[in-house]
Protein backbone atom coordinates (compact mmCIF):
# COMPACT_ATOMS: atom_id res chain seq x y z
CA MET A 1 -0.04 0.22 0.10
CA THR A 2 1.64 3.28 -0.91
CA CYS A 3 0.03 6.74 0.25
CA SER A 4 0.03 10.29 -1.28
CA PHE A 5 -1.26 13.27 0.21
CA ASP A 6 -1.60 16.62 -1.23
CA ALA A 7 -3.20 19.04 1.72
CA GLY A 8 -2.85 22.38 -0.56
CA SER A 9 -1.99 25.52 1.28
CA GLY A 10 -4.38 25.56 3.87
CA ARG A 11 -4.70 29.35 2.99
CA THR A 12 -8.06 31.46 1.21
CA PRO A 13 -7.46 34.57 -0.31
CA ALA A 14 -9.65 37.23 1.03
CA GLY A 15 -12.48 38.53 -1.54
CA PRO A 16 -16.33 38.99 -1.63
CA GLY A 17 -18.29 36.08 0.06
CA LEU A 18 -14.79 34.85 1.57
CA VAL A 19 -13.27 34.23 4.52
CA PRO A 20 -10.30 36.54 5.79
CA ASN A 21 -6.89 34.74 6.11
CA ALA A 22 -7.01 36.27 9.56
CA VAL A 23 -10.04 34.23 10.68
CA LEU A 24 -8.65 30.99 9.15
CA GLU A 25 -5.51 31.40 11.17
CA ALA A 26 -7.29 31.42 14.34
CA THR A 27 -7.70 28.01 13.55
CA MET A 28 -5.92 24.93 14.05
CA ARG A 29 -4.75 21.83 12.46
CA LEU A 30 -4.68 18.76 15.32
CA LEU A 31 -3.24 15.40 14.24
CA PHE A 32 -4.01 12.21 16.49
CA THR A 33 -2.44 9.18 16.29
CA THR A 34 -3.65 5.98 17.85
CA SER A 35 -2.56 2.61 18.50
CA ASN A 36 -4.78 -0.69 17.20
CA TRP A 37 -6.53 -0.80 20.49
CA ALA A 38 -9.51 1.20 21.09
CA GLY A 39 -9.31 1.34 24.92
CA HIS A 40 -5.99 3.29 24.47
CA TYR A 41 -7.87 5.91 22.42
CA PHE A 42 -11.13 6.19 23.65
CA CYS A 43 -9.80 8.75 26.33
CA MET A 44 -8.86 11.23 23.64
CA ILE A 45 -12.44 11.31 21.75
CA PRO A 46 -13.66 14.10 23.36
CA LEU A 47 -10.50 16.20 22.93
CA GLY A 48 -11.26 15.74 19.43
CA TRP A 49 -15.08 16.51 20.16
CA ALA A 50 -14.01 19.72 21.98
CA ALA A 51 -11.32 20.49 19.02
CA GLN A 52 -14.22 20.30 16.26
CA ALA A 53 -16.69 22.29 18.45
CA ALA A 54 -13.91 25.34 18.69
CA GLY A 55 -13.73 25.05 14.68
CA HIS A 56 -10.51 23.24 14.63
CA GLU A 57 -9.52 20.61 11.70
CA VAL A 58 -8.73 17.15 13.12
CA ARG A 59 -7.63 14.25 11.42
CA VAL A 60 -7.04 10.54 13.53
CA VAL A 61 -4.27 8.40 12.02
CA CYS A 62 -5.09 5.33 13.01
CA ALA A 63 -5.01 1.41 11.69
CA PRO A 64 -7.94 0.49 8.81
CA ALA A 65 -9.44 -1.96 11.76
CA GLN A 66 -9.85 0.85 14.09
CA ALA A 67 -11.41 3.32 10.99
CA ASP A 68 -14.90 2.28 11.36
CA THR A 69 -14.87 3.18 15.63
CA ILE A 70 -13.05 6.52 15.07
CA GLY A 71 -16.05 7.27 12.38
CA ARG A 72 -18.80 6.59 14.32
CA ALA A 73 -17.24 8.76 17.09
CA GLY A 74 -17.56 11.82 14.63
CA LEU A 75 -13.92 12.16 13.82
CA VAL A 76 -12.11 11.86 10.24
CA PRO A 77 -9.66 8.70 10.33
CA VAL A 78 -6.78 8.61 8.27
CA PRO A 79 -6.42 4.66 7.90
CA VAL A 80 -2.57 4.42 7.11
CA LEU A 81 -0.90 2.89 9.92
CA GLU A 82 0.11 -0.77 9.67
CA SER A 83 -0.48 -2.49 13.17
CA PRO A 84 -0.07 -6.29 14.04
CA ASP A 85 -3.43 -7.76 15.28
CA MET A 86 -3.24 -6.76 19.15
CA MET A 87 -5.07 -9.73 20.12
CA TYR A 88 -2.70 -12.16 18.72
CA MET A 89 0.33 -10.18 19.91
CA ALA A 90 -0.77 -10.33 23.45
CA ARG A 91 -2.26 -13.99 23.20
CA LEU A 92 1.71 -14.84 21.91
CA ASN A 93 2.84 -12.86 24.71
CA LEU A 94 1.25 -14.84 27.41
CA TYR A 95 2.23 -18.13 25.76
CA ALA A 96 5.69 -17.04 25.66
CA GLN A 97 5.31 -16.44 29.58
CA VAL A 98 3.90 -19.61 30.29
CA ALA A 99 6.01 -21.53 28.31
CA GLU A 100 9.57 -19.71 29.91
CA GLY A 101 8.07 -20.15 33.11
CA ARG A 102 7.64 -16.38 33.61
CA ALA A 103 4.06 -16.59 34.20
CA ALA A 104 1.50 -18.91 35.71
CA LEU A 105 -2.19 -19.55 34.61
CA PRO A 106 -5.18 -22.03 36.27
CA GLY A 107 -4.49 -23.85 33.13
CA LEU A 108 -3.19 -24.07 29.67
CA PRO A 109 -2.92 -20.70 27.65
CA LEU A 110 -4.98 -20.10 24.54
CA HIS A 111 -3.63 -20.74 21.01
CA PRO A 112 -2.20 -17.57 19.91
CA VAL A 113 -3.50 -18.05 16.26
CA THR A 114 -6.96 -19.72 16.77
CA GLY A 115 -8.09 -18.31 20.38
CA GLN A 116 -8.91 -21.98 21.41
CA ARG A 117 -7.29 -23.41 24.73
CA VAL A 118 -4.69 -25.84 23.59
CA SER A 119 -4.42 -29.27 25.51
CA ARG A 120 -0.54 -29.45 25.51
CA LEU A 121 2.53 -26.41 25.58
CA ASP A 122 4.13 -28.20 22.74
CA GLU A 123 1.05 -28.36 20.40
CA PHE A 124 2.35 -24.62 19.30
CA ASP A 125 5.87 -23.50 18.09
CA VAL A 126 5.93 -20.25 20.11
CA ALA A 127 9.89 -19.89 19.13
CA ALA A 128 9.35 -19.79 15.74
CA ALA A 129 6.03 -18.07 16.05
CA GLN A 130 8.03 -15.21 17.84
CA LYS A 131 10.92 -15.05 15.49
CA ALA A 132 8.32 -14.42 12.39
CA PHE A 133 5.83 -11.84 14.51
CA THR A 134 9.46 -10.16 14.87
CA GLY A 135 9.99 -9.40 11.70
CA GLU A 136 6.42 -8.41 11.02
CA TYR A 137 5.83 -6.22 13.84
CA GLY A 138 9.37 -4.41 12.77
CA ASP A 139 8.08 -3.78 9.00
CA ALA A 140 4.75 -2.42 10.54
CA VAL A 141 6.58 0.11 12.88
CA ARG A 142 8.86 1.09 9.55
CA ILE A 143 5.82 1.57 7.41
CA SER A 144 3.63 3.09 10.02
CA HIS A 145 6.03 6.00 10.56
CA LEU A 146 6.92 6.41 6.81
CA ARG A 147 3.44 6.73 6.38
CA THR A 148 2.62 9.15 9.61
CA ARG A 149 5.25 11.43 8.27
CA GLU A 150 4.01 11.38 4.55
CA PHE A 151 0.73 12.69 5.74
CA ALA A 152 1.90 15.10 8.51
CA ARG A 153 4.08 16.91 5.90
CA ALA A 154 1.26 17.33 3.01
CA TRP A 155 -1.30 18.31 5.82
CA ARG A 156 0.99 20.49 8.34
CA PRO A 157 -0.49 19.85 11.81
CA GLN A 158 0.28 22.32 14.42
CA LEU A 159 -0.41 19.85 17.46
CA VAL A 160 -0.03 16.36 17.37
CA CYS A 161 -1.71 14.25 20.16
CA HIS A 162 -0.91 10.60 20.48
CA ASP A 163 -2.09 7.48 22.93
CA VAL A 164 0.25 5.19 24.78
CA LEU A 165 1.20 2.83 22.41
CA ALA A 166 1.29 5.41 19.23
CA GLU A 167 4.53 7.24 19.13
CA GLU A 168 4.32 7.75 15.50
CA GLY A 169 2.60 11.42 16.66
CA ALA A 170 5.32 12.17 18.78
CA LEU A 171 8.22 11.41 16.45
CA VAL A 172 6.69 13.27 13.42
CA ALA A 173 6.12 16.41 15.79
CA ASP A 174 9.72 16.28 16.52
CA GLU A 175 10.60 16.11 12.76
CA LEU A 176 8.06 19.21 11.97
CA GLY A 177 9.01 21.28 15.10
CA VAL A 178 5.60 21.20 16.18
CA GLU A 179 4.32 20.39 19.69
CA SER A 180 3.19 17.24 20.80
CA VAL A 181 1.23 15.94 24.02
CA TYR A 182 0.59 12.55 25.28
CA CYS A 183 -3.23 11.70 25.89
CA ALA A 184 -3.30 9.12 28.62
CA PRO A 185 -6.19 6.82 29.39
CA GLY A 186 -5.86 7.77 32.99
CA LEU A 187 -3.81 5.28 35.72
CA PHE A 188 -1.23 4.82 32.99
CA GLY A 189 2.26 6.70 33.09
CA THR A 190 4.74 7.67 30.92
CA VAL A 191 7.69 5.70 32.61
CA ASP A 192 5.46 3.33 34.84
CA GLU A 193 7.77 0.28 36.17
CA GLU A 194 4.90 -0.90 38.36
CA LEU A 195 2.85 -1.73 35.50
CA GLY A 196 4.96 -4.77 34.78
CA LEU A 197 5.18 -3.87 30.98
CA ASP A 198 8.62 -3.10 29.98
CA LEU A 199 7.76 -0.26 27.63
CA ALA A 200 11.68 0.88 27.55
CA LEU A 201 12.35 -2.29 25.87
CA ARG A 202 9.35 -1.69 23.19
CA ASP A 203 10.80 1.87 22.70
CA LEU A 204 14.03 -0.15 22.02
CA VAL A 205 12.80 -2.41 19.75
CA ASN A 206 10.84 0.09 17.75
CA ASN A 207 13.79 2.41 17.41
CA MET A 208 15.45 -0.84 15.67
CA ALA A 209 12.94 -0.54 13.41
CA ARG A 210 13.26 2.80 12.11
CA PRO A 211 17.27 3.05 10.98
CA GLY A 212 18.11 6.60 10.43
CA VAL A 213 15.38 8.17 12.93
CA PRO A 214 16.44 9.71 16.01
CA ALA A 215 15.77 7.33 19.11
CA TRP A 216 12.58 8.00 21.07
CA GLY A 217 11.65 6.73 24.66
CA ARG A 218 9.02 7.78 26.71
CA ASP A 219 11.13 9.72 29.02
CA ARG A 220 11.07 12.52 26.14
CA ILE A 221 7.22 13.09 26.75
CA THR A 222 6.77 16.62 28.00
CA ARG A 223 3.38 17.15 28.60
CA VAL A 224 0.74 14.71 29.68
CA ILE A 225 -3.34 15.09 29.29
CA ASP A 226 -4.09 13.06 32.30
CA PRO A 227 -7.75 12.39 33.70
CA SER A 228 -6.37 10.83 36.52
CA PRO A 229 -7.99 11.58 39.87
CA PRO A 230 -5.47 13.41 42.08
CA SER A 231 -5.17 10.63 44.51
CA ALA A 232 -4.24 7.79 42.24
CA VAL A 233 -1.94 9.81 39.62
CA PRO A 234 0.67 7.71 37.98
CA PRO A 235 4.26 7.74 37.62
CA LEU A 236 4.99 10.66 34.92
CA GLY A 237 8.56 11.40 34.81
CA ASP A 238 9.47 14.79 34.15
CA ALA A 239 6.74 15.58 32.01
CA VAL A 240 4.24 18.43 32.63
CA ARG A 241 0.80 17.03 33.79
CA MET A 242 -2.25 18.51 32.63
CA PRO A 243 -5.48 17.16 34.70
CA VAL A 244 -9.00 16.65 32.37
CA ARG A 245 -11.95 16.03 33.19
CA TYR A 246 -12.70 12.48 32.57
CA VAL A 247 -15.58 12.19 29.89
CA PRO A 248 -16.45 8.66 29.60
CA TYR A 249 -16.92 7.22 25.89
CA ASN A 250 -16.79 3.47 24.77
CA GLY A 251 -18.77 3.72 21.70
CA PRO A 252 -22.59 4.82 20.37
CA GLY A 253 -25.51 2.66 21.68
CA ALA A 254 -29.30 3.24 22.51
CA LEU A 255 -30.30 3.69 25.85
CA PRO A 256 -32.82 0.61 26.70
CA ALA A 257 -35.97 1.95 28.39
CA TRP A 258 -35.79 -0.34 31.40
CA THR A 259 -32.61 1.23 32.89
CA LEU A 260 -34.96 4.45 33.68
CA GLU A 261 -37.87 1.90 35.32
CA ARG A 262 -38.17 2.42 38.81
CA ARG A 263 -36.47 -0.57 40.67
CA THR A 264 -36.86 -2.10 44.38
CA ARG A 265 -33.23 -3.79 44.15
CA PRO A 266 -29.72 -3.06 43.80
CA ARG A 267 -28.20 -3.03 40.57
CA VAL A 268 -24.83 -4.94 39.67
CA CYS A 269 -23.42 -3.91 36.54
CA VAL A 270 -21.00 -6.79 35.43
CA VAL A 271 -18.55 -5.70 32.30
CA TRP A 272 -16.39 -8.50 30.42
CA GLY A 273 -14.35 -6.74 27.98
CA ARG A 274 -13.17 -8.07 24.56
CA SER A 275 -9.66 -8.41 25.76
CA ALA A 276 -10.48 -10.57 28.81
CA THR A 277 -12.41 -13.08 26.69
CA GLY A 278 -9.83 -12.96 23.70
CA ILE A 279 -6.75 -13.29 25.86
CA TYR A 280 -7.81 -15.60 28.57
CA GLY A 281 -10.66 -17.35 27.07
CA PRO A 282 -14.30 -17.41 27.80
CA ASP A 283 -14.19 -20.11 30.70
CA VAL A 284 -12.53 -17.68 33.34
CA PRO A 285 -14.15 -18.79 36.49
CA ALA A 286 -14.42 -15.63 38.16
CA LEU A 287 -16.95 -14.56 35.70
CA ARG A 288 -19.55 -16.79 36.17
CA GLU A 289 -19.11 -16.69 39.91
CA ALA A 290 -19.52 -12.71 39.95
CA VAL A 291 -22.83 -13.06 38.20
CA GLU A 292 -24.26 -15.55 40.26
CA GLY A 293 -23.02 -14.28 43.57
CA ALA A 294 -24.49 -10.75 42.89
CA ALA A 295 -27.88 -12.63 41.97
CA ALA A 296 -27.69 -15.01 45.08
CA LEU A 297 -27.53 -11.78 47.10
CA GLY A 298 -30.58 -10.15 45.62
CA ALA A 299 -29.36 -7.59 42.71
CA ASP A 300 -30.45 -7.08 39.87
CA VAL A 301 -27.78 -8.22 37.36
CA VAL A 302 -26.87 -6.68 33.80
CA LEU A 303 -24.12 -8.64 31.93
CA THR A 304 -22.42 -6.83 29.06
CA ALA A 305 -19.87 -8.89 27.13
CA ALA A 306 -18.69 -10.09 23.88
CA PRO A 307 -21.64 -12.16 22.23
CA GLU A 308 -19.17 -15.30 22.29
CA GLN A 309 -18.57 -14.82 25.87
CA VAL A 310 -22.30 -14.80 26.32
CA ARG A 311 -22.30 -17.73 24.24
CA ALA A 312 -19.83 -19.63 26.39
CA LEU A 313 -21.48 -18.83 29.73
CA GLY A 314 -24.97 -20.65 28.88
CA PRO A 315 -27.73 -20.56 30.93
CA LEU A 316 -27.51 -17.90 33.67
CA PRO A 317 -29.57 -17.06 36.86
CA GLN A 318 -33.04 -16.20 36.32
CA GLY A 319 -33.76 -12.15 35.89
CA VAL A 320 -30.00 -11.53 34.72
CA ARG A 321 -30.18 -9.25 32.05
CA VAL A 322 -27.71 -9.29 28.97
CA LEU A 323 -26.47 -6.80 26.80
CA GLU A 324 -23.85 -7.48 24.41
CA ASP A 325 -20.84 -5.10 23.47
CA PHE A 326 -23.10 -2.10 25.18
CA PRO A 327 -21.01 0.96 25.70
CA LEU A 328 -20.68 0.90 29.84
CA HIS A 329 -21.00 4.49 30.37
CA LEU A 330 -24.66 4.43 29.41
CA LEU A 331 -25.50 1.77 32.33
CA LEU A 332 -23.11 3.15 34.77
CA PRO A 333 -26.05 6.18 35.99
CA GLU A 334 -28.30 3.60 37.32
CA ALA A 335 -25.65 1.43 38.92
CA ASP A 336 -24.94 0.59 42.45
CA VAL A 337 -21.77 -1.94 42.13
CA LEU A 338 -19.49 -2.30 39.02
CA VAL A 339 -17.84 -5.35 38.63
CA HIS A 340 -15.25 -5.75 35.51
CA HIS A 341 -11.78 -7.28 34.55
CA GLY A 342 -9.54 -4.58 36.04
CA SER A 343 -8.90 -2.52 32.50
CA ASP A 344 -8.44 1.10 33.17
CA ASN A 345 -11.04 2.11 30.76
CA CYS A 346 -13.81 0.45 33.12
CA LEU A 347 -11.78 1.67 36.39
CA MET A 348 -11.80 5.16 34.95
CA ASN A 349 -15.79 4.80 33.96
CA GLY A 350 -16.63 3.59 37.28
CA ALA A 351 -14.54 6.34 39.09
CA VAL A 352 -16.05 9.22 37.34
CA ALA A 353 -19.61 7.73 37.55
CA GLY A 354 -19.22 7.25 41.64
CA VAL A 355 -19.68 3.92 41.76
CA PRO A 356 -18.14 1.24 43.95
CA GLN A 357 -16.27 -1.57 42.17
CA LEU A 358 -14.91 -4.84 42.08
CA SER A 359 -12.06 -5.49 40.03
CA LEU A 360 -10.99 -8.94 38.82
CA ALA A 361 -7.92 -8.14 37.09
CA MET A 362 -5.92 -10.60 35.39
CA ALA A 363 -2.98 -8.83 33.39
CA SER A 364 -0.42 -7.62 35.33
CA ASP A 365 -0.88 -3.68 33.84
CA GLN A 366 -4.61 -4.26 35.01
CA ILE A 367 -3.78 -5.65 38.36
CA ALA A 368 -1.58 -2.34 38.95
CA PHE A 369 -4.37 0.00 37.79
CA SER A 370 -6.81 -1.58 40.45
CA ARG A 371 -4.37 -1.33 43.23
CA ARG A 372 -3.61 2.30 42.61
CA LEU A 373 -7.96 2.55 42.77
CA ALA A 374 -8.38 0.18 45.93
CA ALA A 375 -6.07 2.72 47.79
CA THR A 376 -8.92 4.97 47.78
CA GLY A 377 -11.68 2.90 48.94
CA ALA A 378 -13.73 2.81 46.29
CA VAL A 379 -12.57 -0.28 44.72
CA VAL A 380 -11.98 -3.95 46.19
CA ALA A 381 -9.16 -5.36 43.99
CA LEU A 382 -9.06 -9.27 43.47
CA GLU A 383 -7.24 -11.28 41.06
CA GLY A 384 -9.46 -12.30 38.57
CA LEU A 385 -7.53 -15.96 37.45
CA THR A 386 -7.11 -16.91 41.49
CA ALA A 387 -9.93 -15.36 43.44
CA ARG A 388 -11.86 -17.97 45.59
CA PRO A 389 -15.74 -17.82 45.22
CA ASP A 390 -16.00 -17.39 48.76
CA ALA A 391 -13.72 -13.97 48.90
CA LEU A 392 -15.38 -12.75 45.55
CA ARG A 393 -19.33 -12.94 47.30
CA ALA A 394 -17.78 -11.50 50.25
CA ALA A 395 -16.63 -8.40 48.34
CA LEU A 396 -19.74 -8.31 46.33
CA ALA A 397 -21.69 -7.90 50.04
CA VAL A 398 -19.43 -5.29 51.24
CA LEU A 399 -19.71 -3.60 48.44
CA LEU A 400 -23.66 -3.98 48.50
CA ASP A 401 -24.16 -3.23 52.42
CA ASP A 402 -21.11 -1.16 53.63
CA PRO A 403 -21.56 2.54 52.98
CA ALA A 404 -18.07 3.16 53.41
CA PRO A 405 -16.85 1.91 49.58
CA ARG A 406 -19.98 3.86 48.09
CA ALA A 407 -18.76 6.91 50.12
CA ALA A 408 -15.27 6.48 48.85
CA ALA A 409 -16.65 6.49 45.17
CA GLY A 410 -18.43 9.62 46.01
CA ARG A 411 -15.15 11.60 47.18
CA LEU A 412 -13.43 9.61 44.19
CA GLN A 413 -16.21 11.23 41.67
CA ALA A 414 -16.08 14.40 43.14
CA GLU A 415 -12.01 15.13 43.12
CA MET A 416 -12.60 14.06 39.05
CA ALA A 417 -15.42 16.76 38.62
CA LEU A 418 -13.08 19.58 39.95
CA ALA A 419 -10.44 18.89 36.64
CA PRO A 420 -11.07 21.01 33.89
CA ALA A 421 -13.04 20.40 30.79
CA PRO A 422 -11.45 19.04 27.58
CA SER A 423 -12.18 22.44 26.20
CA GLU A 424 -10.37 24.16 28.39
CA VAL A 425 -7.60 21.72 27.88
CA LEU A 426 -7.88 22.43 24.44
CA ARG A 427 -7.81 26.14 24.77
CA GLN A 428 -4.55 26.25 27.07
CA LEU A 429 -2.87 23.74 24.35
CA THR A 430 -3.99 26.06 21.52
CA GLU A 431 -2.84 29.09 23.18
CA SER A 432 0.38 27.71 23.98
CA VAL A 433 0.93 26.78 20.34
CA ALA A 434 -0.24 29.98 18.84
CA ALA A 435 2.18 31.78 21.62
CA VAL A 436 5.40 30.06 19.87
C-alpha cells in the first residue's frame, strides 16, 4: 500500500464572500495518532470533539481496523498505519511467558492463532512464531512511521496528540518542529515500571525498526493530558501533567428504556471486555461466579460482554439481563456496583460515575491499575484468575451493604469533577501553540 497526500496551502485569499486569512489562522490543525487498541484512545475522543466544536480541523491517523470505530465517534480517520493483530500479539506474549515459566495460569493458555485453549504446551511452536512476528512487527513500525510522516508533511498539523502505543505522532511532531502531547487513558504513566510492562524495551525495539530516525523514548514526553484522579496519579517522569476531566466514551449505543424504570433492588453491572475473553478465554470462572454471586445476594444483574463470551456462559440465573457489547457509560448512572476485568477504561468509567467497584484483574498492568484505585477505598481488587468464590461473594456483599465504599466512590467522583473540561485543556494547548 502506498500513500500520496496533497493538502494544499491551507490558506484562502480574502475577497467577496470569502473568509479572511486572519479568521482562518485562528483555527488549527490537530493530528491524533492512535494504536490498534480502542481502549487506549477512547480517552482522546472528547478532546477531538472539543477541537471540532471550536472550529479546528482534526484528523486521526489509525490502523484500518479502527477506522470504523473512529468514524462512528464523529472524527475523521486516516487509516494508513500498519499494525499487527493486537489480540494475537497479546496471546503470543502470554503463551511465551507461560512456556518459559515467567507466568502462571490456572490452566493452559490459548492458542495464539485460533484463540482456543491448547491441550499441551508443545502444541504450538512459540519460538518460531515469535521469530516470525518480530520481522512482521518491525516492518509495521517502519511503515507506520513513514506513512504518518508523509501525511503530516502534506497536511501540516500545528499540534499532535498521541496515545500510549502510538508514538508515531511524537516522532513526526519532532520532525516537523511542532508540539506534541501524550493523551493518557488514566492510571497509566509514561515511565511506569509498576505495570509489569517493559515499555522501555518496546521503545528500543521500535527504534531499531526505524534506522536513520533519532531514537525516541517515553522520557522524552514533555506534556501529558491525564484524567487520573489526584489521589491516584501514575508516575509521569519529568513530564508536565495537564489534568483533564474524564469524559467517558465507549462507543455509540441506544439507552434501553428499562434502565430508567423504578427499581426495588440494587443493580450490579458486570462488564467483561473483549480483551479478557480474547487473551484468557471465555471460561474464566470468576465471571460466572460474579454473576451468580450478585444474583444470589438479591441484586438486579446486568451483564455486558462479547457475544462469544455470553454464549460460552450458557444458562444464567433467572432475571439476569444481557446486553452484548454495550457502551458501559450508558449503564453506570443507574448502577450501584460495577464488576469488571480490571481495565483502566472500566476503572475510570466507574470512578467518574461514583460507583463502587469490584475489579477482577488478570493482566499485570490491570492489577496495578486496580491497586491504585483500591487505595482510595472505592475499589475492591481481587485477581481474577485466582479469586476464590467465597472471597468474591464476600467482596460483593461489602460493596452492596457497607456504606464506606460508596462514600469513597463519591469522594473520588468529586475529585474528578474538579478537573478542567477537555475544551479548557484544548484552549491551553492552542494558546501555547499560538504563542510559539
